[in-house]
């Protein structure tokens, strides 16, 4: 086809092509529909900084991107209406759209072209996924879901909204870049979108759920102390010591609004308390919450966090730490070497610097435990390790699967029982590791999973995997596959 027809086709696929309107009009957002890729710092005065401001970030306007995503789903929505016997002409209002938001920082994205010093370049990607579209049936009583995203964790359903070259730990710059997005999202919550779908104008309301954040990002956005804090959890107020004593019985108490109230208390200190008392009153909320996230558990990082923990337990069991007082670093190093060697030999697992998803999946298997058991001297400890892994493998599908009630109903029913049993094992047989301390994700795995599933129906579907796997694409487009030929240098995506 001639180039201009391809260009035209391409334009239709980018946000900014479709006509739509908002009722009432969005506050502080222009009403024009044909807005493509914009400078993410639009509206910010450029500052004297080391990088020119207009190269830092590019994004779509949030409402335009949502319209584009809905138009992509036009056929699915129409099909859903037909399948649920709603005649087409009757359904013009009452559509509800559920949006999952993900935001994730990426390390080192500098160009790999040889010459010069390596600059630590970091990026943050913000994206969203249309999880479901539902409609209030005629009498407005029940909601009928007419579209559900079948692969909520695929990079194909995960639409990029904003690409930014900042370090996710640089709170000021990050909030400056995400600020306009949050403002647009807030404006959209209070308004309805009028958009032609299937040839008729229909009205949509959007519900946003920020669940695709890892714990670091959640703590940063919600004003909590960093993850090494004694306030171990982003869902409840428990301290690390409490969580290691009582591993299972906690309920979700934190929320964005409460965090805002606590920040006000922290800022004003109305009871003139000492720093310690004040911190205890606000349970570690010591910065202003910037963005509302949905308190949930990030399945991917949960996997990785727990695998790291098991890896350490394996090391300790090889060295029989349960009967020694503090071993030296040399001893620990030798156990680790033995563990790595064994895993490489039996499981073909190369040692990794930082635990990643694939390693975690391979490590958390019964065969990996069998391999480790060959190095564990006493039979009774081996049995304990096997039992620990058996329980873990029973629990894992519940927070990994997209729809646990369908995919693993038995494990879902037994979850509380299994987690209780798991906790008992940790606090008796593996007491040496859990005396007054426990890792953040292990606490969440044991204490919060059933409650989140009861509320949302799934944990896995709301995880950040889609965004994480799209990170790979991002690197690919930046031509970041290490040490490429010079030929690509001038061309950028």
Protein backbone atom coordinates (compact mmCIF):
# COMPACT_ATOMS: atom_id res chain seq x y z
CA UNK A 1 0.00 0.00 0.00
CA UNK A 2 1.19 3.55 -0.64
CA UNK A 3 2.75 5.22 2.37
CA UNK A 4 -0.05 7.72 2.98
CA UNK A 5 -2.70 5.02 3.44
CA UNK A 6 -0.46 3.27 5.96
CA UNK A 7 0.07 6.59 7.72
CA UNK A 8 -3.69 7.10 7.88
CA UNK A 9 -4.22 3.59 9.27
CA UNK A 10 -1.50 4.17 11.80
CA UNK A 11 -3.09 7.43 12.92
CA UNK A 12 -6.37 5.67 13.59
CA UNK A 13 -4.57 3.38 16.00
CA UNK A 14 -3.08 6.23 18.00
CA UNK A 15 -5.10 8.05 20.62
CA UNK A 16 -6.44 11.32 19.32
CA UNK A 17 -8.43 10.10 16.35
CA UNK A 18 -11.95 9.69 17.72
CA UNK A 19 -14.64 12.26 18.50
CA UNK A 20 -16.04 12.25 22.03
CA UNK A 21 -17.27 14.59 24.70
CA UNK A 22 -17.47 14.74 28.47
CA UNK A 23 -20.54 15.75 30.47
CA UNK A 24 -19.93 17.83 32.45
CA UNK A 25 -16.78 19.00 30.67
CA UNK A 26 -13.57 18.01 32.44
CA UNK A 27 -12.12 20.61 34.79
CA UNK A 28 -8.80 22.04 33.59
CA UNK A 29 -8.63 19.68 30.60
CA UNK A 30 -9.03 21.05 27.10
CA UNK A 31 -12.10 19.83 25.20
CA UNK A 32 -10.26 19.06 21.96
CA UNK A 33 -10.33 15.42 20.90
CA UNK A 34 -7.53 15.26 18.38
CA UNK A 35 -4.58 15.26 20.74
CA UNK A 36 -1.86 12.74 20.02
CA UNK A 37 1.36 12.32 21.94
CA UNK A 38 1.97 15.32 24.19
CA UNK A 39 4.84 16.54 26.28
CA UNK A 40 4.20 15.09 29.71
CA UNK A 41 5.38 18.25 31.40
CA UNK A 42 2.92 20.37 29.43
CA UNK A 43 1.91 23.26 31.62
CA UNK A 44 5.08 23.11 33.70
CA UNK A 45 7.55 25.92 33.34
CA UNK A 46 10.83 24.43 32.22
CA UNK A 47 13.42 24.69 34.92
CA UNK A 48 17.15 25.12 34.68
CA UNK A 49 18.16 21.52 35.03
CA UNK A 50 20.68 19.08 33.65
CA UNK A 51 18.28 17.67 31.08
CA UNK A 52 16.11 19.87 28.85
CA UNK A 53 12.60 19.53 30.23
CA UNK A 54 10.97 18.70 26.92
CA UNK A 55 12.91 15.45 26.63
CA UNK A 56 11.96 14.06 30.00
CA UNK A 57 8.50 12.72 29.35
CA UNK A 58 5.94 11.97 26.69
CA UNK A 59 2.39 10.90 27.30
CA UNK A 60 -1.13 10.65 25.95
CA UNK A 61 -3.89 12.70 27.49
CA UNK A 62 -5.63 10.24 29.80
CA UNK A 63 -9.17 10.73 28.49
CA UNK A 64 -8.06 10.50 24.86
CA UNK A 65 -6.18 7.28 25.60
CA UNK A 66 -9.24 5.78 27.33
CA UNK A 67 -11.42 6.66 24.34
CA UNK A 68 -8.93 4.99 22.04
CA UNK A 69 -8.89 1.88 24.24
CA UNK A 70 -12.70 1.71 24.24
CA UNK A 71 -12.81 2.10 20.46
CA UNK A 72 -10.39 -0.82 20.22
CA UNK A 73 -12.94 -2.85 22.16
CA UNK A 74 -15.91 -1.65 20.13
CA UNK A 75 -16.59 -5.05 18.55
CA UNK A 76 -16.22 -6.89 21.85
CA UNK A 77 -18.64 -4.49 23.53
CA UNK A 78 -21.23 -4.91 20.76
CA UNK A 79 -20.84 -8.67 20.89
CA UNK A 80 -21.26 -8.61 24.67
CA UNK A 81 -24.49 -6.61 24.31
CA UNK A 82 -25.83 -9.11 21.79
CA UNK A 83 -24.86 -12.08 23.93
CA UNK A 84 -26.65 -10.73 26.97
CA UNK A 85 -29.82 -10.02 24.95
CA UNK A 86 -29.81 -6.29 25.44
CA UNK A 87 -31.24 -4.85 22.32
CA UNK A 88 -28.82 -2.40 20.95
CA UNK A 89 -30.88 0.78 20.84
CA UNK A 90 -31.95 0.59 24.48
CA UNK A 91 -28.41 0.58 25.87
CA UNK A 92 -27.02 4.05 25.51
CA UNK A 93 -26.27 4.92 29.12
CA UNK A 94 -25.18 3.19 32.29
CA UNK A 95 -21.94 1.70 31.04
CA UNK A 96 -19.30 1.24 33.73
CA UNK A 97 -15.67 0.74 32.80
CA UNK A 98 -13.20 -0.75 35.28
CA UNK A 99 -9.60 0.41 34.74
CA UNK A 100 -6.51 -1.15 36.26
CA UNK A 101 -3.57 1.24 36.54
CA UNK A 102 0.05 0.15 36.66
CA UNK A 103 3.14 2.16 37.29
CA UNK A 104 6.62 0.82 37.55
CA UNK A 105 10.18 2.13 37.57
CA UNK A 106 12.81 0.54 35.35
CA UNK A 107 16.48 0.53 36.16
CA UNK A 108 19.30 1.22 33.72
CA UNK A 109 17.83 2.19 30.36
CA UNK A 110 20.91 3.99 29.04
CA UNK A 111 21.87 3.46 25.42
CA UNK A 112 24.32 0.58 25.09
CA UNK A 113 26.51 2.01 22.38
CA UNK A 114 29.98 1.83 23.74
CA UNK A 115 31.74 5.14 24.16
CA UNK A 116 31.71 7.39 27.19
CA UNK A 117 30.73 7.02 30.83
CA UNK A 118 27.70 4.97 31.75
CA UNK A 119 24.99 7.36 32.91
CA UNK A 120 22.49 5.87 35.31
CA UNK A 121 19.37 6.48 33.25
CA UNK A 122 16.11 5.34 34.72
CA UNK A 123 12.57 5.33 33.41
CA UNK A 124 9.06 5.17 34.83
CA UNK A 125 6.19 3.76 32.80
CA UNK A 126 2.55 4.36 33.64
CA UNK A 127 -0.09 2.32 31.86
CA UNK A 128 -3.68 1.13 32.16
CA UNK A 129 -5.76 -1.89 31.22
CA UNK A 130 -9.50 -1.95 30.55
CA UNK A 131 -10.47 -4.80 32.89
CA UNK A 132 -14.21 -4.93 32.28
CA UNK A 133 -17.16 -3.09 30.83
CA UNK A 134 -20.53 -3.62 32.46
CA UNK A 135 -23.98 -2.10 32.09
CA UNK A 136 -26.87 -1.54 34.47
CA UNK A 137 -29.72 -3.62 33.09
CA UNK A 138 -33.10 -2.02 32.30
CA UNK A 139 -34.49 -1.59 35.81
CA UNK A 140 -31.08 -0.48 37.02
CA UNK A 141 -30.91 -3.25 39.60
CA UNK A 142 -28.14 -5.67 38.56
CA UNK A 143 -25.01 -5.06 36.61
CA UNK A 144 -24.37 -7.23 33.58
CA UNK A 145 -20.75 -7.57 32.56
CA UNK A 146 -20.53 -7.41 28.78
CA UNK A 147 -16.76 -7.46 28.43
CA UNK A 148 -14.02 -8.91 30.62
CA UNK A 149 -10.37 -8.72 29.63
CA UNK A 150 -9.41 -12.39 29.08
CA UNK A 151 -5.66 -11.76 29.52
CA UNK A 152 -5.36 -8.96 32.06
CA UNK A 153 -1.65 -9.60 32.48
CA UNK A 154 -0.62 -9.57 28.86
CA UNK A 155 1.41 -6.65 27.55
CA UNK A 156 -1.13 -6.52 24.72
CA UNK A 157 -3.94 -5.39 27.01
CA UNK A 158 -1.69 -3.00 28.88
CA UNK A 159 -1.86 0.41 27.22
CA UNK A 160 1.03 2.77 27.85
CA UNK A 161 -0.05 6.21 29.01
CA UNK A 162 3.14 7.93 30.00
CA UNK A 163 6.86 7.27 29.52
CA UNK A 164 9.23 9.27 31.65
CA UNK A 165 12.95 9.41 32.19
CA UNK A 166 13.09 9.85 35.94
CA UNK A 167 14.19 7.73 38.82
CA UNK A 168 11.17 6.36 40.67
CA UNK A 169 12.92 7.27 43.92
CA UNK A 170 13.07 10.92 42.95
CA UNK A 171 9.76 11.77 44.54
CA UNK A 172 9.64 15.42 43.48
CA UNK A 173 10.16 14.80 39.78
CA UNK A 174 7.91 11.75 39.78
CA UNK A 175 5.04 13.63 41.36
CA UNK A 176 5.57 16.52 38.96
CA UNK A 177 5.25 14.16 36.01
CA UNK A 178 2.34 12.11 37.32
CA UNK A 179 0.53 15.15 38.74
CA UNK A 180 -1.32 16.04 35.53
CA UNK A 181 -2.35 12.41 35.05
CA UNK A 182 -3.78 12.26 38.56
CA UNK A 183 -5.61 15.54 37.96
CA UNK A 184 -7.16 14.22 34.74
CA UNK A 185 -8.15 11.01 36.44
CA UNK A 186 -9.80 12.94 39.24
CA UNK A 187 -11.73 15.06 36.75
CA UNK A 188 -12.91 11.95 34.89
CA UNK A 189 -14.25 10.34 38.05
CA UNK A 190 -16.85 13.09 38.31
CA UNK A 191 -17.96 13.11 34.70
CA UNK A 192 -19.42 10.86 32.00
CA UNK A 193 -17.91 10.13 28.62
CA UNK A 194 -20.19 10.36 25.58
CA UNK A 195 -18.76 8.26 22.78
CA UNK A 196 -20.15 6.60 19.70
CA UNK A 197 -19.90 2.81 19.98
CA UNK A 198 -21.59 0.69 17.34
CA UNK A 199 -23.03 3.76 15.67
CA UNK A 200 -24.90 5.07 18.72
CA UNK A 201 -23.78 7.64 21.28
CA UNK A 202 -23.34 5.94 24.65
CA UNK A 203 -22.31 7.19 28.05
CA UNK A 204 -19.53 5.65 30.13
CA UNK A 205 -18.40 6.11 33.71
CA UNK A 206 -14.87 5.13 34.66
CA UNK A 207 -13.68 3.49 37.87
CA UNK A 208 -9.94 3.51 38.43
CA UNK A 209 -8.07 1.01 40.56
CA UNK A 210 -4.35 1.48 41.02
CA UNK A 211 -3.29 -2.08 41.76
CA UNK A 212 -0.31 -2.57 39.49
CA UNK A 213 2.28 -1.04 41.77
CA UNK A 214 5.02 -2.84 43.62
CA UNK A 215 5.35 -2.19 47.32
CA UNK A 216 8.03 0.45 46.87
CA UNK A 217 5.80 2.50 44.59
CA UNK A 218 2.72 2.08 46.82
CA UNK A 219 4.64 3.30 49.86
CA UNK A 220 5.94 6.25 47.93
CA UNK A 221 2.53 7.21 46.54
CA UNK A 222 0.65 6.69 49.79
CA UNK A 223 3.11 8.56 52.00
CA UNK A 224 4.25 5.52 54.00
CA UNK A 225 7.79 4.95 55.25
CA UNK A 226 10.04 2.83 53.02
CA UNK A 227 9.72 -0.94 53.04
CA UNK A 228 12.37 -1.52 55.72
CA UNK A 229 10.10 0.28 58.19
CA UNK A 230 8.79 -1.44 61.30
CA UNK A 231 5.31 -0.76 59.87
CA UNK A 232 5.56 -3.75 57.67
CA UNK A 233 2.32 -3.64 55.75
CA UNK A 234 0.67 -1.35 53.21
CA UNK A 235 -2.72 -2.89 54.04
CA UNK A 236 -2.84 -2.98 57.84
CA UNK A 237 -1.24 -1.17 60.78
CA UNK A 238 0.64 -4.11 62.16
CA UNK A 239 4.29 -3.69 63.14
CA UNK A 240 6.95 -6.20 62.18
CA UNK A 241 7.06 -7.65 65.68
CA UNK A 242 3.25 -8.05 65.82
CA UNK A 243 3.24 -9.67 62.40
CA UNK A 244 5.84 -12.22 63.40
CA UNK A 245 3.94 -13.10 66.60
CA UNK A 246 0.49 -13.24 65.06
CA UNK A 247 1.07 -14.28 61.49
CA UNK A 248 -2.43 -14.86 60.20
CA UNK A 249 -5.06 -12.76 61.92
CA UNK A 250 -5.00 -9.26 60.46
CA UNK A 251 -7.53 -7.31 58.48
CA UNK A 252 -7.12 -4.54 55.94
CA UNK A 253 -7.41 -1.16 57.63
CA UNK A 254 -5.38 1.29 55.59
CA UNK A 255 -6.97 3.45 52.92
CA UNK A 256 -6.01 6.52 50.96
CA UNK A 257 -8.34 8.80 52.90
CA UNK A 258 -7.10 7.51 56.22
CA UNK A 259 -3.52 8.04 55.07
CA UNK A 260 -4.39 11.64 54.24
CA UNK A 261 -5.90 12.16 57.70
CA UNK A 262 -2.86 10.61 59.34
CA UNK A 263 -0.55 12.81 57.35
CA UNK A 264 -2.44 15.85 58.67
CA UNK A 265 -1.93 14.57 62.22
CA UNK A 266 1.75 13.97 61.47
CA UNK A 267 2.09 17.49 60.06
CA UNK A 268 0.25 19.33 62.84
CA UNK A 269 0.93 17.05 65.82
CA UNK A 270 -2.30 18.18 67.56
CA UNK A 271 -1.52 16.33 70.79
CA UNK A 272 2.05 17.68 71.06
CA UNK A 273 3.49 14.19 71.32
CA UNK A 274 7.13 13.16 71.08
CA UNK A 275 8.39 11.98 67.67
CA UNK A 276 8.09 8.34 68.73
CA UNK A 277 4.53 8.62 70.03
CA UNK A 278 3.50 10.61 66.99
CA UNK A 279 4.95 8.06 64.64
CA UNK A 280 3.13 5.33 66.48
CA UNK A 281 -0.13 7.27 66.23
CA UNK A 282 0.10 7.70 62.46
CA UNK A 283 1.52 4.21 61.94
CA UNK A 284 4.37 5.30 59.72
CA UNK A 285 2.51 7.73 57.46
CA UNK A 286 5.04 10.54 57.29
CA UNK A 287 4.62 12.09 53.85
CA UNK A 288 1.67 13.45 51.97
CA UNK A 289 -0.18 10.70 50.07
CA UNK A 290 -0.06 11.71 46.46
CA UNK A 291 -2.02 9.14 44.54
CA UNK A 292 -4.80 6.80 45.54
CA UNK A 293 -3.86 3.15 45.19
CA UNK A 294 -6.10 0.19 45.85
CA UNK A 295 -4.77 -1.68 48.88
CA UNK A 296 -4.00 -5.08 47.42
CA UNK A 297 -1.11 -7.48 47.07
CA UNK A 298 1.08 -7.50 44.01
CA UNK A 299 1.14 -11.14 42.94
CA UNK A 300 4.35 -10.98 40.92
CA UNK A 301 6.45 -9.33 43.62
CA UNK A 302 4.83 -11.53 46.21
CA UNK A 303 6.18 -14.52 44.31
CA UNK A 304 9.63 -12.99 44.13
CA UNK A 305 9.66 -11.86 47.77
CA UNK A 306 8.64 -15.26 49.07
CA UNK A 307 11.11 -17.09 46.83
CA UNK A 308 13.91 -14.89 48.22
CA UNK A 309 12.80 -15.84 51.70
CA UNK A 310 12.75 -19.57 50.86
CA UNK A 311 16.19 -19.24 49.29
CA UNK A 312 17.47 -17.91 52.60
CA UNK A 313 15.71 -20.65 54.56
CA UNK A 314 17.38 -23.22 52.28
CA UNK A 315 20.77 -21.70 53.06
CA UNK A 316 20.08 -21.72 56.78
CA UNK A 317 18.90 -25.31 56.70
CA UNK A 318 22.01 -26.45 54.83
CA UNK A 319 24.06 -24.85 57.62
CA UNK A 320 21.74 -26.12 60.39
CA UNK A 321 21.37 -22.64 61.83
CA UNK A 322 18.58 -23.79 64.14
CA UNK A 323 21.15 -25.27 66.50
CA UNK A 324 23.90 -22.63 66.18
CA UNK A 325 24.18 -19.17 67.54
CA UNK A 326 25.14 -16.50 64.97
CA UNK A 327 27.33 -18.13 62.27
CA UNK A 328 30.17 -16.23 60.61
CA UNK A 329 29.95 -14.69 57.15
CA UNK A 330 32.41 -17.25 55.79
CA UNK A 331 30.14 -20.09 56.89
CA UNK A 332 27.11 -18.41 55.35
CA UNK A 333 28.99 -17.86 52.12
CA UNK A 334 29.93 -21.51 51.92
CA UNK A 335 26.30 -22.61 52.43
CA UNK A 336 25.18 -20.25 49.73
CA UNK A 337 27.82 -21.58 47.34
CA UNK A 338 26.72 -25.14 48.10
CA UNK A 339 23.07 -24.21 47.48
CA UNK A 340 23.82 -22.47 44.19
CA UNK A 341 25.96 -25.35 43.01
CA UNK A 342 23.26 -27.88 43.84
CA UNK A 343 20.49 -25.84 42.18
CA UNK A 344 22.62 -25.42 39.07
CA UNK A 345 23.38 -29.13 38.92
CA UNK A 346 19.90 -30.49 39.65
CA UNK A 347 17.58 -27.71 38.42
CA UNK A 348 19.79 -26.04 35.78
CA UNK A 349 19.27 -22.79 37.74
CA UNK A 350 22.06 -20.25 37.28
CA UNK A 351 22.65 -18.07 40.35
CA UNK A 352 21.06 -14.65 39.86
CA UNK A 353 22.07 -11.37 41.37
CA UNK A 354 18.55 -10.26 42.15
CA UNK A 355 15.70 -12.72 42.31
CA UNK A 356 13.47 -12.48 39.25
CA UNK A 357 10.09 -13.95 38.37
CA UNK A 358 11.38 -16.87 36.33
CA UNK A 359 13.92 -17.93 38.92
CA UNK A 360 11.26 -17.66 41.63
CA UNK A 361 8.90 -19.92 39.69
CA UNK A 362 11.56 -22.58 39.22
CA UNK A 363 12.79 -22.38 42.82
CA UNK A 364 9.35 -22.80 44.34
CA UNK A 365 8.82 -26.40 43.28
CA UNK A 366 8.97 -29.72 45.07
CA UNK A 367 11.90 -30.84 42.90
CA UNK A 368 13.92 -27.82 44.02
CA UNK A 369 13.17 -28.78 47.63
CA UNK A 370 14.25 -32.36 46.94
CA UNK A 371 17.51 -31.05 45.52
CA UNK A 372 18.06 -28.92 48.63
CA UNK A 373 17.15 -31.82 50.91
CA UNK A 374 20.13 -33.77 49.60
CA UNK A 375 22.29 -31.20 51.39
CA UNK A 376 20.26 -31.10 54.61
CA UNK A 377 21.70 -33.51 57.20
CA UNK A 378 18.72 -34.41 59.41
CA UNK A 379 15.67 -36.26 58.09
CA UNK A 380 13.26 -34.40 60.36
CA UNK A 381 14.40 -30.99 58.97
CA UNK A 382 14.02 -32.34 55.43
CA UNK A 383 10.45 -33.34 56.15
CA UNK A 384 9.73 -29.89 57.56
CA UNK A 385 11.10 -28.24 54.40
CA UNK A 386 9.00 -30.50 52.18
CA UNK A 387 5.90 -29.73 54.20
CA UNK A 388 6.61 -25.97 54.04
CA UNK A 389 6.86 -26.11 50.24
CA UNK A 390 3.79 -28.35 49.92
CA UNK A 391 1.72 -25.83 51.85
CA UNK A 392 3.15 -22.94 49.86
CA UNK A 393 2.30 -24.61 46.57
CA UNK A 394 -1.25 -25.12 47.84
CA UNK A 395 -1.54 -21.43 48.67
CA UNK A 396 0.15 -19.94 45.64
CA UNK A 397 -2.49 -20.55 42.92
CA UNK A 398 -4.98 -18.59 45.00
CA UNK A 399 -3.13 -15.33 44.58
CA UNK A 400 -1.63 -16.10 41.18
CA UNK A 401 -4.66 -17.19 39.15
CA UNK A 402 -6.85 -14.73 37.28
CA UNK A 403 -10.03 -16.22 38.64
CA UNK A 404 -9.40 -18.40 41.71
CA UNK A 405 -13.07 -19.32 42.27
CA UNK A 406 -13.06 -21.03 38.86
CA UNK A 407 -9.47 -22.13 38.53
CA UNK A 408 -8.64 -23.47 42.00
CA UNK A 409 -11.78 -23.52 44.19
CA UNK A 410 -10.42 -26.20 46.55
CA UNK A 411 -7.23 -24.31 47.33
CA UNK A 412 -9.28 -21.16 47.80
CA UNK A 413 -11.49 -22.90 50.38
CA UNK A 414 -8.51 -24.29 52.22
CA UNK A 415 -6.44 -21.11 52.08
CA UNK A 416 -6.96 -19.92 55.65
CA UNK A 417 -6.37 -23.39 56.99
CA UNK A 418 -3.19 -23.79 54.94
CA UNK A 419 -1.84 -20.37 55.87
CA UNK A 420 -2.48 -21.09 59.56
CA UNK A 421 -0.64 -24.38 59.25
CA UNK A 422 2.21 -22.65 57.36
CA UNK A 423 2.47 -19.98 60.06
CA UNK A 424 2.56 -22.64 62.78
CA UNK A 425 5.46 -24.35 61.00
CA UNK A 426 7.37 -21.08 60.73
CA UNK A 427 6.85 -20.12 64.33
CA UNK A 428 7.86 -23.54 65.67
CA UNK A 429 10.32 -25.39 63.41
CA UNK A 430 11.77 -22.28 61.79
CA UNK A 431 11.53 -20.09 64.86
CA UNK A 432 15.17 -19.00 64.51
CA UNK A 433 14.23 -16.93 61.42
CA UNK A 434 10.93 -15.49 62.60
CA UNK A 435 11.72 -14.33 66.07
CA UNK A 436 10.37 -10.78 66.06
CA UNK A 437 10.81 -10.36 62.32
CA UNK A 438 9.05 -11.43 59.13
CA UNK A 439 9.28 -10.17 55.55
CA UNK A 440 6.61 -7.85 54.16
CA UNK A 441 5.31 -10.12 51.43
CA UNK A 442 5.28 -13.19 53.64
CA UNK A 443 3.08 -11.31 56.10
CA UNK A 444 0.70 -10.30 53.29
CA UNK A 445 0.62 -13.82 51.86
CA UNK A 446 -0.36 -15.27 55.21
CA UNK A 447 -2.63 -12.56 56.55
CA UNK A 448 -4.41 -10.72 53.75
CA UNK A 449 -5.04 -12.95 50.76
CA UNK A 450 -8.52 -14.31 51.68
CA UNK A 451 -9.85 -10.85 52.46
CA UNK A 452 -8.63 -9.33 49.20
CA UNK A 453 -10.07 -12.22 47.19
CA UNK A 454 -13.38 -11.84 48.95
CA UNK A 455 -13.43 -8.15 48.06
CA UNK A 456 -12.07 -8.22 44.50
CA UNK A 457 -12.56 -11.80 43.38
CA UNK A 458 -8.95 -12.02 42.27
CA UNK A 459 -5.43 -10.94 43.07
CA UNK A 460 -3.58 -12.29 40.04
CA UNK A 461 -5.73 -10.40 37.53
CA UNK A 462 -4.92 -7.08 39.19
CA UNK A 463 -1.16 -7.64 39.33
CA UNK A 464 1.48 -5.61 37.54
CA UNK A 465 2.70 -8.27 35.14
CA UNK A 466 1.31 -6.65 32.01
CA UNK A 467 3.28 -3.53 32.73
CA UNK A 468 6.38 -5.51 33.68
CA UNK A 469 6.37 -7.51 30.47
CA UNK A 470 5.79 -4.35 28.46
CA UNK A 471 9.02 -3.07 30.04
CA UNK A 472 10.77 -5.61 27.84
CA UNK A 473 9.12 -4.08 24.78
CA UNK A 474 10.18 -0.66 25.93
CA UNK A 475 13.80 -1.77 26.08
CA UNK A 476 13.41 -3.36 22.67
CA UNK A 477 12.08 -0.12 21.17
CA UNK A 478 14.83 1.92 22.77
CA UNK A 479 17.21 -0.50 21.01
CA UNK A 480 18.64 -1.32 24.33
CA UNK A 481 19.64 -4.85 23.62
CA UNK A 482 23.11 -4.57 24.98
CA UNK A 483 26.03 -3.55 22.75
CA UNK A 484 24.31 -3.06 19.45
CA UNK A 485 26.00 -1.84 16.31
CA UNK A 486 26.51 1.88 15.87
CA UNK A 487 24.09 1.92 12.92
CA UNK A 488 21.07 2.58 15.10
CA UNK A 489 22.41 5.50 17.01
CA UNK A 490 20.61 8.32 15.25
CA UNK A 491 17.26 6.71 14.96
CA UNK A 492 15.05 6.75 18.01
CA UNK A 493 11.56 5.51 18.69
